[in-house]
């Protein structure tokens, strides 16, 4: 798990792991830690990413709350989001796929 400089919120930015989904040509953005998955920075805000949105390696795709710390997760790949695999405010495990992206 790679730690990047602190984000604008002061929380460290955690890089998510990306790997190819078997046989699909798509990649998965996997959770780098155990925690609670959030699609947006606050309950009133819209999600960081939606299906069909282009992302680059620096695009924040979600937040994972672990031990009361909000960790921004970046895409770490260039492509288009094709699926969101986790419901907002649900727990995630280390290595669990959260998003699928089609490289471009």
Protein backbone atom coordinates (compact mmCIF):
# COMPACT_ATOMS: atom_id res chain seq x y z
CA UNK A 1 0.00 0.00 0.00
CA UNK A 2 1.47 3.31 -1.05
CA UNK A 3 0.97 6.47 0.97
CA UNK A 4 0.94 9.74 -0.91
CA UNK A 5 1.05 13.28 0.47
CA UNK A 6 -1.91 14.45 2.52
CA UNK A 7 -4.99 15.52 0.60
CA UNK A 8 -6.74 18.87 0.85
CA UNK A 9 -8.75 17.43 3.75
CA UNK A 10 -5.51 16.68 5.60
CA UNK A 11 -6.04 12.93 5.40
CA UNK A 12 -3.35 10.82 3.75
CA UNK A 13 -4.07 9.72 0.23
CA UNK A 14 -3.88 5.94 -0.20
CA UNK A 15 -3.21 4.49 -3.58
CA UNK A 16 -5.63 1.71 -4.56
CA UNK A 17 -4.37 -1.44 -6.22
CA UNK A 18 -5.38 -2.02 -9.82
CA UNK A 19 -5.35 -5.38 -11.54
CA UNK A 20 -6.78 -6.88 -14.68
CA UNK A 21 -10.10 -8.70 -14.38
CA UNK A 22 -9.62 -12.21 -15.75
CA UNK A 23 -10.54 -12.51 -19.45
CA UNK A 24 -12.47 -9.22 -19.69
CA UNK A 25 -9.81 -6.72 -20.72
CA UNK A 26 -11.01 -4.58 -17.81
CA UNK A 27 -9.03 -3.68 -14.72
CA UNK A 28 -10.25 -3.68 -11.14
CA UNK A 29 -9.57 -1.01 -8.56
CA UNK A 30 -9.18 -2.96 -5.33
CA UNK A 31 -9.36 -1.81 -1.75
CA UNK A 32 -5.91 -1.29 -0.22
CA UNK A 33 -7.31 -1.71 3.31
CA UNK A 34 -10.19 -2.83 5.49
CA UNK A 35 -12.71 -0.08 6.20
CA UNK A 36 -15.95 1.59 5.20
CA UNK A 37 -16.40 2.57 1.53
CA UNK A 38 -17.80 6.02 0.69
CA UNK A 39 -18.49 7.18 -2.87
CA UNK A 40 -18.53 10.91 -2.01
CA UNK A 41 -16.63 13.29 0.27
CA UNK A 42 -19.80 14.07 2.29
CA UNK A 43 -23.43 12.92 2.42
CA UNK A 44 -24.56 16.08 0.57
CA UNK A 45 -21.94 15.85 -2.20
CA UNK A 46 -22.18 13.86 -5.41
CA UNK A 47 -20.04 10.75 -5.97
CA UNK A 48 -16.40 11.13 -6.94
CA UNK A 49 -16.94 8.98 -10.06
CA UNK A 50 -19.86 7.54 -12.02
CA UNK A 51 -20.11 4.75 -14.60
CA UNK A 52 -18.93 6.14 -17.95
CA UNK A 53 -16.58 8.70 -16.40
CA UNK A 54 -12.97 8.89 -17.58
CA UNK A 55 -10.34 8.65 -14.87
CA UNK A 56 -6.57 9.04 -14.76
CA UNK A 57 -4.07 7.69 -12.23
CA UNK A 58 -4.56 10.74 -9.95
CA UNK A 59 -8.40 10.71 -9.96
CA UNK A 60 -9.87 10.14 -6.50
CA UNK A 61 -12.52 7.43 -6.89
CA UNK A 62 -13.71 6.99 -3.27
CA UNK A 63 -12.88 7.30 0.41
CA UNK A 64 -12.27 4.42 2.78
CA UNK A 65 -12.71 5.20 6.46
CA UNK A 66 -10.35 3.20 8.63
CA UNK A 67 -9.88 3.90 12.33
CA UNK A 68 -11.69 7.27 12.04
CA UNK A 69 -9.33 8.42 9.25
CA UNK A 70 -10.76 9.23 5.81
CA UNK A 71 -8.37 7.82 3.16
CA UNK A 72 -8.77 9.03 -0.41
CA UNK A 73 -8.31 6.21 -2.93
CA UNK A 74 -6.98 7.04 -6.40
CA UNK A 75 -7.66 5.15 -9.63
CA UNK A 76 -3.94 4.53 -10.37
CA UNK A 77 -4.92 3.76 -13.97
CA UNK A 78 -6.24 5.56 -17.01
CA UNK A 79 -9.60 4.45 -18.38
CA UNK A 80 -13.38 4.62 -18.15
CA UNK A 81 -15.35 3.42 -15.11
CA UNK A 82 -17.56 0.52 -16.24
CA UNK A 83 -18.89 -0.74 -12.89
CA UNK A 84 -19.17 0.29 -9.25
CA UNK A 85 -18.99 -2.96 -7.27
CA UNK A 86 -19.58 -1.72 -3.70
CA UNK A 87 -22.57 0.04 -2.16
CA UNK A 88 -22.00 3.37 -0.43
CA UNK A 89 -21.29 3.15 3.33
CA UNK A 90 -20.67 -0.62 3.21
CA UNK A 91 -17.58 -2.38 4.62
CA UNK A 92 -14.78 -3.46 2.29
CA UNK A 93 -11.99 -5.97 2.79
CA UNK A 94 -8.34 -5.70 1.78
CA UNK A 95 -8.05 -6.61 -1.91
CA UNK A 96 -11.81 -6.48 -2.56
CA UNK A 97 -12.66 -5.12 -6.04
CA UNK A 98 -14.48 -1.77 -5.77
CA UNK A 99 -14.60 -0.56 -9.38
CA UNK A 100 -13.99 -1.92 -12.87
CA UNK A 101 -12.37 0.26 -15.51
CA UNK A 102 -11.81 -0.19 -19.22
CA UNK A 103 -8.29 1.01 -20.08
CA UNK A 104 -7.96 3.58 -22.85
